[in-house]
Protein backbone atom coordinates (compact mmCIF):
# COMPACT_ATOMS: atom_id res chain seq x y z
CA MET A 1 69.03 91.93 96.54
CA ASN A 2 70.92 91.95 99.80
CA LYS A 3 72.54 89.03 101.60
CA THR A 4 69.47 88.12 103.64
CA GLU A 5 67.31 88.07 100.51
CA LEU A 6 69.90 85.95 98.75
CA ILE A 7 69.97 83.44 101.58
CA ASP A 8 66.11 83.27 101.53
CA ALA A 9 66.16 82.64 97.76
CA MET A 10 68.88 79.98 98.10
CA ALA A 11 66.92 78.21 100.81
CA ASP A 12 63.72 78.20 98.76
CA SER A 13 65.47 77.10 95.54
CA ALA A 14 67.49 74.31 97.08
CA ASP A 15 64.78 73.28 99.61
CA ILE A 16 67.16 73.69 102.56
CA SER A 17 66.90 75.64 105.77
CA LYS A 18 67.89 79.34 105.85
CA ALA A 19 70.60 78.46 108.32
CA ALA A 20 72.08 75.96 105.92
CA ALA A 21 71.81 78.38 103.03
CA GLY A 22 73.57 81.01 105.08
CA ARG A 23 76.40 78.69 105.91
CA ALA A 24 76.75 77.69 102.24
CA LEU A 25 76.86 81.36 101.16
CA ASP A 26 79.38 82.22 103.87
CA GLY A 27 81.50 79.32 102.75
CA MET A 28 81.37 80.46 99.18
CA ILE A 29 82.27 84.00 100.02
CA GLU A 30 85.16 82.77 102.20
CA ALA A 31 86.46 80.50 99.42
CA ILE A 32 86.32 83.28 96.76
CA THR A 33 87.97 85.71 99.14
CA GLY A 34 90.72 83.30 100.01
CA ALA A 35 91.49 82.62 96.38
CA LEU A 36 91.58 86.35 95.56
CA LYS A 37 93.96 87.02 98.38
CA LYS A 38 96.31 84.49 96.76
CA ASP A 39 95.97 86.32 93.41
CA ASP A 40 94.01 83.42 91.93
CA GLN A 41 91.03 84.01 89.64
CA VAL A 42 87.73 82.35 90.35
CA THR A 43 85.45 81.48 87.40
CA ILE A 44 81.95 80.11 87.75
CA VAL A 45 80.77 79.07 84.25
CA GLY A 46 77.50 80.68 83.37
CA PHE A 47 77.74 83.19 86.18
CA GLY A 48 80.94 85.23 86.12
CA SER A 49 84.51 85.53 87.25
CA PHE A 50 86.26 87.20 90.09
CA SER A 51 89.83 88.55 89.95
CA VAL A 52 92.02 91.21 91.50
CA ARG A 53 93.30 94.02 89.29
CA GLU A 54 95.58 96.91 89.97
CA ARG A 55 94.11 100.32 89.16
CA ALA A 56 95.71 103.66 88.77
CA ALA A 57 95.66 106.17 91.58
CA ARG A 58 92.79 108.52 91.29
CA THR A 59 90.71 111.18 92.98
CA GLY A 60 87.39 109.98 94.40
CA ARG A 61 84.70 111.51 96.62
CA ASN A 62 83.58 110.51 100.13
CA PRO A 63 79.93 109.65 99.57
CA GLN A 64 78.92 110.99 102.93
CA THR A 65 80.56 114.34 102.78
CA GLY A 66 81.29 114.87 99.11
CA GLN A 67 84.89 115.78 100.02
CA ALA A 68 87.59 114.85 97.39
CA ILE A 69 89.92 112.08 98.48
CA GLU A 70 92.98 110.52 96.90
CA ILE A 71 92.62 106.78 96.29
CA LYS A 72 95.93 104.97 96.16
CA ALA A 73 96.82 102.55 93.34
């Protein structure tokens, strides 16, 4: 499901316009992003939690070229 499909589902479920559902989703994403930037954790009971974690440096691959790249910690 992409963002547009999620907005459609929210609008249908909550009986609101797609524009209102889009604003609500954008507000939710903004609030979660803001909390994570402040190193807070966001927990939505029955859904999941969002947090920032440090990961070790590692080698990854560019999905477009397949070239190996170093990903910083």
